Amino acid sequence: MSALQKLQEKIEEWRVDHEGLKSENAQLKVELENSSGAQGEKDMLIESLRNELREKDEEIEKIITQVETLLS
């Protein structure tokens, strides 16, 4: 096997490896985007639940104030 043939085989091997790495990189980018989107949705849900909790706390405070007024 000549040096040129060995070099051509090595280049082809590297090309195949490079294509595989590009494909894997593209897949990882998609996974990262999906997980980022899911995290954003979770953050929005958490904020929504916090707002709901805050509103419930305010309602409870109003009720407590009304009960205290009635009892005094």
PDB file of N, CA and C in Angstrom:
ATOM      1  N   MET A   1       0.852  -1.177   0.000  1.00  0.00           N
ATOM      2  CA  MET A   1       0.000   0.000   0.000  1.00  0.00           C
ATOM      3  C   MET A   1       0.894   1.235   0.000  1.00  0.00           C
ATOM      4  N   SER A   2       0.626   2.101  -0.914  1.00  0.00           N
ATOM      5  CA  SER A   2       1.477   3.283  -1.044  1.00  0.00           C
ATOM      6  C   SER A   2       1.103   4.323   0.005  1.00  0.00           C
ATOM      7  N   ALA A   3       2.005   5.246   0.193  1.00  0.00           N
ATOM      8  CA  ALA A   3       1.776   6.330   1.153  1.00  0.00           C
ATOM      9  C   ALA A   3       0.567   7.153   0.747  1.00  0.00           C
ATOM     10  N   LEU A   4       0.360   7.333  -0.554  1.00  0.00           N
ATOM     11  CA  LEU A   4      -0.779   8.105  -1.046  1.00  0.00           C
ATOM     12  C   LEU A   4      -2.100   7.409  -0.705  1.00  0.00           C
ATOM     13  N   GLN A   5      -2.130   6.095  -0.844  1.00  0.00           N
ATOM     14  CA  GLN A   5      -3.329   5.331  -0.515  1.00  0.00           C
ATOM     15  C   GLN A   5      -3.626   5.414   0.988  1.00  0.00           C
ATOM     16  N   LYS A   6      -2.584   5.280   1.784  1.00  0.00           N
ATOM     17  CA  LYS A   6      -2.760   5.385   3.234  1.00  0.00           C
ATOM     18  C   LYS A   6      -3.300   6.758   3.612  1.00  0.00           C
ATOM     19  N   LEU A   7      -2.751   7.776   2.974  1.00  0.00           N
ATOM     20  CA  LEU A   7      -3.191   9.136   3.237  1.00  0.00           C
ATOM     21  C   LEU A   7      -4.650   9.326   2.831  1.00  0.00           C
ATOM     22  N   GLN A   8      -5.028   8.777   1.671  1.00  0.00           N
ATOM     23  CA  GLN A   8      -6.405   8.879   1.202  1.00  0.00           C
ATOM     24  C   GLN A   8      -7.364   8.161   2.158  1.00  0.00           C
ATOM     25  N   GLU A   9      -6.957   6.988   2.632  1.00  0.00           N
ATOM     26  CA  GLU A   9      -7.787   6.244   3.587  1.00  0.00           C
ATOM     27  C   GLU A   9      -7.948   7.028   4.880  1.00  0.00           C
ATOM     28  N   LYS A  10      -6.864   7.605   5.362  1.00  0.00           N
ATOM     29  CA  LYS A  10      -6.907   8.387   6.599  1.00  0.00           C
ATOM     30  C   LYS A  10      -7.823   9.601   6.431  1.00  0.00           C
ATOM     31  N   ILE A  11      -7.691  10.268   5.282  1.00  0.00           N
ATOM     32  CA  ILE A  11      -8.533  11.434   5.017  1.00  0.00           C
ATOM     33  C   ILE A  11     -10.004  11.030   4.984  1.00  0.00           C
ATOM     34  N   GLU A  12     -10.305   9.912   4.337  1.00  0.00           N
ATOM     35  CA  GLU A  12     -11.684   9.429   4.268  1.00  0.00           C
ATOM     36  C   GLU A  12     -12.197   9.076   5.666  1.00  0.00           C
ATOM     37  N   GLU A  13     -11.359   8.449   6.468  1.00  0.00           N
ATOM     38  CA  GLU A  13     -11.727   8.111   7.841  1.00  0.00           C
ATOM     39  C   GLU A  13     -12.044   9.385   8.641  1.00  0.00           C
ATOM     40  N   TRP A  14     -11.218  10.380   8.502  1.00  0.00           N
ATOM     41  CA  TRP A  14     -11.440  11.652   9.204  1.00  0.00           C
ATOM     42  C   TRP A  14     -12.712  12.346   8.719  1.00  0.00           C
ATOM     43  N   ARG A  15     -12.956  12.245   7.389  1.00  0.00           N
ATOM     44  CA  ARG A  15     -14.158  12.856   6.832  1.00  0.00           C
ATOM     45  C   ARG A  15     -15.411  12.204   7.421  1.00  0.00           C
ATOM     46  N   VAL A  16     -15.408  10.886   7.489  1.00  0.00           N
ATOM     47  CA  VAL A  16     -16.543  10.150   8.063  1.00  0.00           C
ATOM     48  C   VAL A  16     -16.717  10.517   9.535  1.00  0.00           C
ATOM     49  N   ASP A  17     -15.615  10.566  10.280  1.00  0.00           N
ATOM     50  CA  ASP A  17     -15.677  10.961  11.690  1.00  0.00           C
ATOM     51  C   ASP A  17     -16.227  12.375  11.832  1.00  0.00           C
ATOM     52  N   HIS A  18     -15.783  13.268  10.955  1.00  0.00           N
ATOM     53  CA  HIS A  18     -16.228  14.660  10.991  1.00  0.00           C
ATOM     54  C   HIS A  18     -17.734  14.750  10.738  1.00  0.00           C
ATOM     55  N   GLU A  19     -18.228  14.011   9.756  1.00  0.00           N
ATOM     56  CA  GLU A  19     -19.659  14.004   9.462  1.00  0.00           C
ATOM     57  C   GLU A  19     -20.449  13.474  10.665  1.00  0.00           C
ATOM     58  N   GLY A  20     -19.938  12.435  11.299  1.00  0.00           N
ATOM     59  CA  GLY A  20     -20.591  11.890  12.494  1.00  0.00           C
ATOM     60  C   GLY A  20     -20.637  12.905  13.617  1.00  0.00           C
ATOM     61  N   LEU A  21     -19.538  13.617  13.817  1.00  0.00           N
ATOM     62  CA  LEU A  21     -19.490  14.638  14.861  1.00  0.00           C
ATOM     63  C   LEU A  21     -20.434  15.795  14.561  1.00  0.00           C
ATOM     64  N   LYS A  22     -20.530  16.186  13.293  1.00  0.00           N
ATOM     65  CA  LYS A  22     -21.452  17.252  12.908  1.00  0.00           C
ATOM     66  C   LYS A  22     -22.896  16.836  13.195  1.00  0.00           C
ATOM     67  N   SER A  23     -23.214  15.596  12.877  1.00  0.00           N
ATOM     68  CA  SER A  23     -24.561  15.081  13.122  1.00  0.00           C
ATOM     69  C   SER A  23     -24.861  15.046  14.621  1.00  0.00           C
ATOM     70  N   GLU A  24     -23.917  14.562  15.395  1.00  0.00           N
ATOM     71  CA  GLU A  24     -24.084  14.508  16.848  1.00  0.00           C
ATOM     72  C   GLU A  24     -24.235  15.908  17.435  1.00  0.00           C
ATOM     73  N   ASN A  25     -23.448  16.852  16.924  1.00  0.00           N
ATOM     74  CA  ASN A  25     -23.515  18.232  17.392  1.00  0.00           C
ATOM     75  C   ASN A  25     -24.889  18.834  17.093  1.00  0.00           C
ATOM     76  N   ALA A  26     -25.418  18.571  15.909  1.00  0.00           N
ATOM     77  CA  ALA A  26     -26.745  19.075  15.548  1.00  0.00           C
ATOM     78  C   ALA A  26     -27.810  18.492  16.472  1.00  0.00           C
ATOM     79  N   GLN A  27     -27.690  17.218  16.769  1.00  0.00           N
ATOM     80  CA  GLN A  27     -28.648  16.564  17.668  1.00  0.00           C
ATOM     81  C   GLN A  27     -28.560  17.160  19.075  1.00  0.00           C
ATOM     82  N   LEU A  28     -27.361  17.403  19.556  1.00  0.00           N
ATOM     83  CA  LEU A  28     -27.190  17.989  20.879  1.00  0.00           C
ATOM     84  C   LEU A  28     -27.750  19.413  20.937  1.00  0.00           C
ATOM     85  N   LYS A  29     -27.598  20.166  19.858  1.00  0.00           N
ATOM     86  CA  LYS A  29     -28.168  21.516  19.799  1.00  0.00           C
ATOM     87  C   LYS A  29     -29.679  21.465  19.919  1.00  0.00           C
ATOM     88  N   VAL A  30     -30.304  20.515  19.220  1.00  0.00           N
ATOM     89  CA  VAL A  30     -31.756  20.363  19.289  1.00  0.00           C
ATOM     90  C   VAL A  30     -32.173  20.010  20.712  1.00  0.00           C
ATOM     91  N   GLU A  31     -31.480  19.078  21.333  1.00  0.00           N
ATOM     92  CA  GLU A  31     -31.788  18.686  22.702  1.00  0.00           C
ATOM     93  C   GLU A  31     -31.646  19.866  23.662  1.00  0.00           C
ATOM     94  N   LEU A  32     -30.609  20.666  23.462  1.00  0.00           N
ATOM     95  CA  LEU A  32     -30.387  21.832  24.310  1.00  0.00           C
ATOM     96  C   LEU A  32     -31.508  22.843  24.139  1.00  0.00           C
ATOM     97  N   GLU A  33     -31.908  23.094  22.897  1.00  0.00           N
ATOM     98  CA  GLU A  33     -33.010  24.024  22.645  1.00  0.00           C
ATOM     99  C   GLU A  33     -34.299  23.520  23.283  1.00  0.00           C
ATOM    100  N   ASN A  34     -34.544  22.216  23.172  1.00  0.00           N
ATOM    101  CA  ASN A  34     -35.757  21.641  23.762  1.00  0.00           C
ATOM    102  C   ASN A  34     -35.745  21.763  25.277  1.00  0.00           C
ATOM    103  N   SER A  35     -34.603  21.498  25.886  1.00  0.00           N
ATOM    104  CA  SER A  35     -34.543  21.585  27.349  1.00  0.00           C
ATOM    105  C   SER A  35     -34.624  23.038  27.813  1.00  0.00           C
ATOM    106  N   SER A  36     -34.078  23.959  27.016  1.00  0.00           N
ATOM    107  CA  SER A  36     -34.192  25.380  27.360  1.00  0.00           C
ATOM    108  C   SER A  36     -35.637  25.834  27.285  1.00  0.00           C
ATOM    109  N   GLY A  37     -36.341  25.376  26.261  1.00  0.00           N
ATOM    110  CA  GLY A  37     -37.754  25.712  26.126  1.00  0.00           C
ATOM    111  C   GLY A  37     -38.572  25.154  27.271  1.00  0.00           C
ATOM    112  N   ALA A  38     -38.283  23.922  27.646  1.00  0.00           N
ATOM    113  CA  ALA A  38     -39.001  23.300  28.751  1.00  0.00           C
ATOM    114  C   ALA A  38     -38.709  24.043  30.048  1.00  0.00           C
ATOM    115  N   GLN A  39     -37.479  24.476  30.235  1.00  0.00           N
ATOM    116  CA  GLN A  39     -37.121  25.220  31.446  1.00  0.00           C
ATOM    117  C   GLN A  39     -37.872  26.544  31.485  1.00  0.00           C
ATOM    118  N   GLY A  40     -37.988  27.193  30.334  1.00  0.00           N
ATOM    119  CA  GLY A  40     -38.724  28.452  30.268  1.00  0.00           C
ATOM    120  C   GLY A  40     -40.186  28.269  30.641  1.00  0.00           C
ATOM    121  N   GLU A  41     -40.784  27.167  30.169  1.00  0.00           N
ATOM    122  CA  GLU A  41     -42.168  26.866  30.508  1.00  0.00           C
ATOM    123  C   GLU A  41     -42.308  26.621  32.008  1.00  0.00           C
ATOM    124  N   LYS A  42     -41.367  25.905  32.587  1.00  0.00           N
ATOM    125  CA  LYS A  42     -41.410  25.643  34.026  1.00  0.00           C
ATOM    126  C   LYS A  42     -41.268  26.931  34.815  1.00  0.00           C
ATOM    127  N   ASP A  43     -40.380  27.812  34.368  1.00  0.00           N
ATOM    128  CA  ASP A  43     -40.212  29.095  35.047  1.00  0.00           C
ATOM    129  C   ASP A  43     -41.494  29.909  35.006  1.00  0.00           C
ATOM    130  N   MET A  44     -42.166  29.897  33.852  1.00  0.00           N
ATOM    131  CA  MET A  44     -43.424  30.635  33.727  1.00  0.00           C
ATOM    132  C   MET A  44     -44.493  30.037  34.644  1.00  0.00           C
ATOM    133  N   LEU A  45     -44.544  28.716  34.725  1.00  0.00           N
ATOM    134  CA  LEU A  45     -45.505  28.052  35.601  1.00  0.00           C
ATOM    135  C   LEU A  45     -45.231  28.395  37.058  1.00  0.00           C
ATOM    136  N   ILE A  46     -43.969  28.389  37.452  1.00  0.00           N
ATOM    137  CA  ILE A  46     -43.598  28.730  38.826  1.00  0.00           C
ATOM    138  C   ILE A  46     -44.021  30.153  39.148  1.00  0.00           C
ATOM    139  N   GLU A  47     -43.768  31.077  38.234  1.00  0.00           N
ATOM    140  CA  GLU A  47     -44.152  32.473  38.460  1.00  0.00           C
ATOM    141  C   GLU A  47     -45.660  32.609  38.559  1.00  0.00           C
ATOM    142  N   SER A  48     -46.381  31.891  37.721  1.00  0.00           N
ATOM    143  CA  SER A  48     -47.843  31.915  37.763  1.00  0.00           C
ATOM    144  C   SER A  48     -48.354  31.379  39.107  1.00  0.00           C
ATOM    145  N   LEU A  49     -47.757  30.304  39.579  1.00  0.00           N
ATOM    146  CA  LEU A  49     -48.164  29.726  40.864  1.00  0.00           C
ATOM    147  C   LEU A  49     -47.828  30.663  42.017  1.00  0.00           C
ATOM    148  N   ARG A  50     -46.710  31.351  41.926  1.00  0.00           N
ATOM    149  CA  ARG A  50     -46.353  32.325  42.965  1.00  0.00           C
ATOM    150  C   ARG A  50     -47.363  33.464  42.998  1.00  0.00           C
ATOM    151  N   ASN A  51     -47.762  33.939  41.825  1.00  0.00           N
ATOM    152  CA  ASN A  51     -48.768  35.008  41.772  1.00  0.00           C
ATOM    153  C   ASN A  51     -50.098  34.532  42.356  1.00  0.00           C
ATOM    154  N   GLU A  52     -50.465  33.319  42.016  1.00  0.00           N
ATOM    155  CA  GLU A  52     -51.705  32.759  42.554  1.00  0.00           C
ATOM    156  C   GLU A  52     -51.627  32.645  44.074  1.00  0.00           C
ATOM    157  N   LEU A  53     -50.511  32.197  44.584  1.00  0.00           N
ATOM    158  CA  LEU A  53     -50.318  32.082  46.022  1.00  0.00           C
ATOM    159  C   LEU A  53     -50.394  33.454  46.694  1.00  0.00           C
ATOM    160  N   ARG A  54     -49.781  34.457  46.079  1.00  0.00           N
ATOM    161  CA  ARG A  54     -49.818  35.814  46.602  1.00  0.00           C
ATOM    162  C   ARG A  54     -51.263  36.320  46.670  1.00  0.00           C
ATOM    163  N   GLU A  55     -52.042  36.056  45.625  1.00  0.00           N
ATOM    164  CA  GLU A  55     -53.442  36.468  45.604  1.00  0.00           C
ATOM    165  C   GLU A  55     -54.238  35.758  46.700  1.00  0.00           C
ATOM    166  N   LYS A  56     -53.980  34.477  46.877  1.00  0.00           N
ATOM    167  CA  LYS A  56     -54.670  33.712  47.928  1.00  0.00           C
ATOM    168  C   LYS A  56     -54.307  34.258  49.310  1.00  0.00           C
ATOM    169  N   ASP A  57     -53.035  34.592  49.501  1.00  0.00           N
ATOM    170  CA  ASP A  57     -52.611  35.179  50.777  1.00  0.00           C
ATOM    171  C   ASP A  57     -53.331  36.495  51.043  1.00  0.00           C
ATOM    172  N   GLU A  58     -53.488  37.304  50.002  1.00  0.00           N
ATOM    173  CA  GLU A  58     -54.188  38.583  50.156  1.00  0.00           C
ATOM    174  C   GLU A  58     -55.650  38.346  50.505  1.00  0.00           C
ATOM    175  N   GLU A  59     -56.278  37.361  49.877  1.00  0.00           N
ATOM    176  CA  GLU A  59     -57.666  37.030  50.191  1.00  0.00           C
ATOM    177  C   GLU A  59     -57.799  36.584  51.647  1.00  0.00           C
ATOM    178  N   ILE A  60     -56.865  35.761  52.087  1.00  0.00           N
ATOM    179  CA  ILE A  60     -56.894  35.280  53.475  1.00  0.00           C
ATOM    180  C   ILE A  60     -56.747  36.443  54.440  1.00  0.00           C
ATOM    181  N   GLU A  61     -55.831  37.358  54.127  1.00  0.00           N
ATOM    182  CA  GLU A  61     -55.646  38.536  54.985  1.00  0.00           C
ATOM    183  C   GLU A  61     -56.928  39.364  55.061  1.00  0.00           C
ATOM    184  N   LYS A  62     -57.623  39.536  53.949  1.00  0.00           N
ATOM    185  CA  LYS A  62     -58.883  40.275  53.941  1.00  0.00           C
ATOM    186  C   LYS A  62     -59.929  39.592  54.812  1.00  0.00           C
ATOM    187  N   ILE A  63     -60.002  38.267  54.692  1.00  0.00           N
ATOM    188  CA  ILE A  63     -60.969  37.511  55.490  1.00  0.00           C
ATOM    189  C   ILE A  63     -60.645  37.632  56.971  1.00  0.00           C
ATOM    190  N   ILE A  64     -59.376  37.530  57.312  1.00  0.00           N
ATOM    191  CA  ILE A  64     -58.959  37.662  58.719  1.00  0.00           C
ATOM    192  C   ILE A  64     -59.328  39.040  59.246  1.00  0.00           C
ATOM    193  N   THR A  65     -59.102  40.052  58.442  1.00  0.00           N
ATOM    194  CA  THR A  65     -59.431  41.420  58.851  1.00  0.00           C
ATOM    195  C   THR A  65     -60.944  41.543  59.074  1.00  0.00           C
ATOM    196  N   GLN A  66     -61.736  40.980  58.193  1.00  0.00           N
ATOM    197  CA  GLN A  66     -63.197  41.023  58.330  1.00  0.00           C
ATOM    198  C   GLN A  66     -63.649  40.288  59.584  1.00  0.00           C
ATOM    199  N   VAL A  67     -63.072  39.124  59.840  1.00  0.00           N
ATOM    200  CA  VAL A  67     -63.430  38.357  61.043  1.00  0.00           C
ATOM    201  C   VAL A  67     -63.053  39.123  62.298  1.00  0.00           C
ATOM    202  N   GLU A  68     -61.862  39.732  62.300  1.00  0.00           N
ATOM    203  CA  GLU A  68     -61.452  40.524  63.460  1.00  0.00           C
ATOM    204  C   GLU A  68     -62.400  41.693  63.683  1.00  0.00           C
ATOM    205  N   THR A  69     -62.852  42.322  62.596  1.00  0.00           N
ATOM    206  CA  THR A  69     -63.786  43.428  62.702  1.00  0.00           C
ATOM    207  C   THR A  69     -65.107  42.951  63.289  1.00  0.00           C
ATOM    208  N   LEU A  70     -65.573  41.815  62.859  1.00  0.00           N
ATOM    209  CA  LEU A  70     -66.828  41.269  63.356  1.00  0.00           C
ATOM    210  C   LEU A  70     -66.734  40.877  64.846  1.00  0.00           C
ATOM    211  N   LEU A  71     -65.563  40.413  65.251  1.00  0.00           N
ATOM    212  CA  LEU A  71     -65.392  39.962  66.624  1.00  0.00           C
ATOM    213  C   LEU A  71     -65.161  41.107  67.610  1.00  0.00           C
ATOM    214  N   SER A  72     -64.797  42.251  67.106  1.00  0.00           N
ATOM    215  CA  SER A  72     -64.513  43.339  68.030  1.00  0.00           C
ATOM    216  C   SER A  72     -65.707  44.210  68.300  1.00  0.00           C
TER     217      SER A  72
END
